[in-house]
Amino acid sequence: MRVLAGWLLVAAVLTGCGAGGDGVEDGGADRGVDGGADGGAALERQREDVRSAAAQLVTGAIGVLGGRSSHTGGGFDGCESAGPDEFRTFRYRASGRVDVGPGAVRPYLDALAPVLTSAGFDEPVARERPGGRSLQAERDGVSASFSELPGAGDYVLVNLQGPCVEVPEDERDAWLRRQDPTPYL
């Protein structure tokens, strides 16, 4: 038995077990994942940050395009799978819609780049998407986009999401089932 224990110790040393760089000690920071033991608190802060940014962007879009907002809500999504119906990491996402006013002129996205930058987001990047275009930008790990789908109607979609955050294993099921029914605006 002592010989087996000795070989296991040698194998652990040679393979680098416990030597760091595996993301275990730091809650996953080596994999670009925040959180760890305080993952729940980090997700709650992220929820507030994303909801606040979403409200700011929707309000800004209404300011330049007129109209009104609808479908402003959000929730938690799993990022990295840990098995069937189980996730290791989660993030908060928010979405909404701005039904533009009668005086707004297409392309609506041309008027929305300043809304992103005035809200502290990086310079937005225009991208093509099926049926339309999007403007995408980031701020402190939060990704935001405005999307315009000309063939679908006179509105702009707003989507935001935070970075993936690792949560302790015993909290994962609760985060998977957590509901966030309240609108942010």
Protein backbone atom coordinates (compact mmCIF):
# COMPACT_ATOMS: atom_id res chain seq x y z
CA MET A 1 0.00 0.00 0.00
CA ARG A 2 2.90 2.37 0.79
CA VAL A 3 4.36 1.74 -2.65
CA LEU A 4 1.05 2.67 -4.33
CA ALA A 5 0.78 5.85 -2.24
CA GLY A 6 4.35 6.76 -3.18
CA TRP A 7 3.65 6.27 -6.91
CA LEU A 8 0.52 8.39 -6.68
CA LEU A 9 2.49 11.17 -5.02
CA VAL A 10 5.19 11.01 -7.72
CA ALA A 11 2.53 11.03 -10.47
CA ALA A 12 0.83 14.06 -8.92
CA VAL A 13 4.10 15.99 -8.74
CA LEU A 14 5.12 15.08 -12.30
CA THR A 15 1.74 16.06 -13.79
CA GLY A 16 1.65 19.37 -11.96
CA CYS A 17 -1.43 18.67 -9.82
CA GLY A 18 -1.82 21.47 -7.33
CA ALA A 19 0.88 23.55 -9.03
CA GLY A 20 -1.56 26.26 -10.09
CA GLY A 21 -2.53 27.47 -13.54
CA ASP A 22 -5.61 25.25 -13.54
CA GLY A 23 -8.09 27.93 -12.49
CA VAL A 24 -8.99 26.13 -9.27
CA GLU A 25 -7.42 28.45 -6.70
CA ASP A 26 -8.65 31.66 -8.33
CA GLY A 27 -12.22 30.73 -9.19
CA GLY A 28 -11.43 30.17 -12.87
CA ALA A 29 -9.63 33.40 -13.71
CA ASP A 30 -7.20 31.49 -15.95
CA ARG A 31 -10.17 30.64 -18.19
CA GLY A 32 -11.45 34.21 -18.34
CA VAL A 33 -14.22 33.42 -15.84
CA ASP A 34 -14.95 35.58 -12.81
CA GLY A 35 -16.61 34.38 -9.67
CA GLY A 36 -15.57 31.37 -7.66
CA ALA A 37 -16.84 31.27 -4.09
CA ASP A 38 -18.47 34.71 -4.43
CA GLY A 39 -20.00 33.95 -7.84
CA GLY A 40 -23.51 34.63 -6.59
CA ALA A 41 -22.57 38.11 -5.39
CA ALA A 42 -20.76 38.77 -8.69
CA LEU A 43 -23.87 37.74 -10.64
CA GLU A 44 -26.07 40.03 -8.55
CA ARG A 45 -23.71 42.96 -9.26
CA GLN A 46 -23.69 42.00 -12.94
CA ARG A 47 -27.50 41.95 -12.97
CA GLU A 48 -27.61 45.51 -11.66
CA ASP A 49 -24.90 46.70 -14.09
CA VAL A 50 -26.55 45.14 -17.14
CA ARG A 51 -30.04 46.34 -16.21
CA SER A 52 -28.77 49.87 -15.61
CA ALA A 53 -26.89 49.92 -18.94
CA ALA A 54 -29.94 48.52 -20.75
CA ALA A 55 -32.19 51.22 -19.29
CA GLN A 56 -29.66 53.86 -20.30
CA LEU A 57 -29.44 52.57 -23.88
CA VAL A 58 -33.22 52.20 -24.33
CA THR A 59 -33.79 55.69 -22.93
CA GLY A 60 -31.07 57.06 -25.22
CA ALA A 61 -32.58 55.31 -28.26
CA ILE A 62 -36.00 56.77 -27.49
CA GLY A 63 -34.35 60.18 -27.15
CA VAL A 64 -32.95 60.08 -30.69
CA LEU A 65 -35.59 57.98 -32.47
CA GLY A 66 -38.75 58.87 -30.59
CA GLY A 67 -41.28 56.15 -29.91
CA ARG A 68 -41.59 53.91 -26.90
CA SER A 69 -40.00 50.85 -25.31
CA SER A 70 -41.46 47.39 -24.88
CA HIS A 71 -40.38 43.89 -23.84
CA THR A 72 -37.72 45.23 -21.47
CA GLY A 73 -36.61 42.31 -19.35
CA GLY A 74 -33.75 40.02 -18.58
CA GLY A 75 -32.62 36.86 -16.93
CA PHE A 76 -29.74 34.54 -16.14
CA ASP A 77 -28.34 32.19 -18.79
CA GLY A 78 -25.94 29.29 -18.44
CA CYS A 79 -22.64 29.65 -20.33
CA GLU A 80 -20.32 26.69 -19.84
CA SER A 81 -21.96 23.29 -19.60
CA ALA A 82 -21.08 20.97 -16.73
CA GLY A 83 -23.37 18.17 -17.93
CA PRO A 84 -26.97 17.67 -18.96
CA ASP A 85 -29.13 20.50 -17.59
CA GLU A 86 -26.21 21.81 -15.55
CA PHE A 87 -23.95 24.82 -16.07
CA ARG A 88 -20.69 25.77 -14.39
CA THR A 89 -20.92 29.45 -15.32
CA PHE A 90 -23.76 31.94 -15.72
CA ARG A 91 -24.32 35.49 -16.97
CA TYR A 92 -27.09 38.06 -16.93
CA ARG A 93 -28.66 39.18 -20.18
CA ALA A 94 -31.18 41.93 -20.90
CA SER A 95 -33.15 42.74 -24.01
CA GLY A 96 -35.74 45.20 -25.17
CA ARG A 97 -37.38 46.78 -28.15
CA VAL A 98 -37.80 50.40 -29.18
CA ASP A 99 -40.74 51.03 -31.49
CA VAL A 100 -39.46 54.14 -33.27
CA GLY A 101 -41.44 57.33 -33.64
CA PRO A 102 -43.00 58.53 -36.90
CA GLY A 103 -40.24 61.09 -37.57
CA ALA A 104 -37.32 58.62 -37.39
CA VAL A 105 -35.33 58.09 -40.58
CA ARG A 106 -33.68 54.83 -41.67
CA PRO A 107 -31.11 53.54 -41.16
CA TYR A 108 -31.89 53.88 -37.46
CA LEU A 109 -28.49 52.54 -36.43
CA ASP A 110 -26.81 55.67 -37.76
CA ALA A 111 -28.41 57.65 -34.94
CA LEU A 112 -27.58 55.05 -32.26
CA ALA A 113 -23.76 54.96 -32.35
CA PRO A 114 -23.59 58.14 -30.21
CA VAL A 115 -26.02 56.58 -27.72
CA LEU A 116 -23.56 53.73 -27.12
CA THR A 117 -20.50 55.97 -26.79
CA SER A 118 -22.26 58.49 -24.54
CA ALA A 119 -23.19 55.57 -22.25
CA GLY A 120 -19.48 54.77 -21.90
CA PHE A 121 -19.28 51.89 -24.37
CA ASP A 122 -16.35 51.50 -26.75
CA GLU A 123 -16.66 52.73 -30.31
CA PRO A 124 -19.41 50.56 -31.83
CA VAL A 125 -18.75 48.17 -34.68
CA ALA A 126 -21.35 47.69 -37.43
CA ARG A 127 -22.06 44.09 -38.42
CA GLU A 128 -24.36 42.40 -40.89
CA ARG A 129 -26.86 39.91 -39.53
CA PRO A 130 -29.61 37.88 -41.17
CA GLY A 131 -32.29 40.32 -42.27
CA GLY A 132 -30.51 43.44 -41.07
CA ARG A 133 -27.58 45.07 -39.31
CA SER A 134 -26.28 45.46 -35.77
CA LEU A 135 -24.09 47.88 -33.85
CA GLN A 136 -22.02 46.18 -31.15
CA ALA A 137 -19.89 47.63 -28.37
CA GLU A 138 -18.44 46.71 -24.96
CA ARG A 139 -18.02 48.40 -21.60
CA ASP A 140 -16.35 46.78 -18.59
CA GLY A 141 -17.09 43.26 -19.84
CA VAL A 142 -20.71 44.01 -20.75
CA SER A 143 -21.55 43.51 -24.44
CA ALA A 144 -24.31 45.62 -25.98
CA SER A 145 -25.93 45.71 -29.39
CA PHE A 146 -28.63 47.57 -31.26
CA SER A 147 -30.15 45.64 -34.17
CA GLU A 148 -32.28 46.88 -37.03
CA LEU A 149 -34.33 44.48 -39.15
CA PRO A 150 -35.83 46.66 -41.93
CA GLY A 151 -38.09 43.97 -43.37
CA ALA A 152 -39.65 43.23 -39.97
CA GLY A 153 -40.97 46.66 -38.96
CA ASP A 154 -40.12 50.05 -37.53
CA TYR A 155 -38.28 49.07 -34.38
CA VAL A 156 -34.79 48.52 -32.98
CA LEU A 157 -33.79 45.62 -30.73
CA VAL A 158 -31.49 46.15 -27.75
CA ASN A 159 -29.47 43.25 -26.29
CA LEU A 160 -26.90 43.23 -23.51
CA GLN A 161 -25.06 40.50 -21.64
CA GLY A 162 -22.41 40.31 -18.98
CA PRO A 163 -19.39 38.02 -18.85
CA CYS A 164 -19.67 34.42 -17.68
CA VAL A 165 -19.25 34.00 -13.91
CA GLU A 166 -18.40 30.73 -12.18
CA VAL A 167 -20.65 29.84 -9.26
CA PRO A 168 -20.12 27.20 -6.55
CA GLU A 169 -21.42 23.77 -7.47
CA ASP A 170 -24.04 23.73 -4.72
CA GLU A 171 -25.61 26.97 -6.10
CA ARG A 172 -25.77 26.02 -9.80
CA ASP A 173 -29.22 24.44 -9.76
CA ALA A 174 -30.72 27.53 -8.14
CA TRP A 175 -29.15 29.84 -10.75
CA LEU A 176 -30.39 27.60 -13.55
CA ARG A 177 -33.98 27.96 -12.34
CA ARG A 178 -33.86 31.57 -11.18
CA GLN A 179 -36.49 33.84 -12.72
CA ASP A 180 -36.19 37.60 -13.17
CA PRO A 181 -39.64 38.72 -14.33
CA THR A 182 -39.40 42.43 -13.59
CA PRO A 183 -38.78 44.83 -16.49
CA TYR A 184 -35.77 47.14 -16.12
CA LEU A 185 -37.61 50.12 -17.57
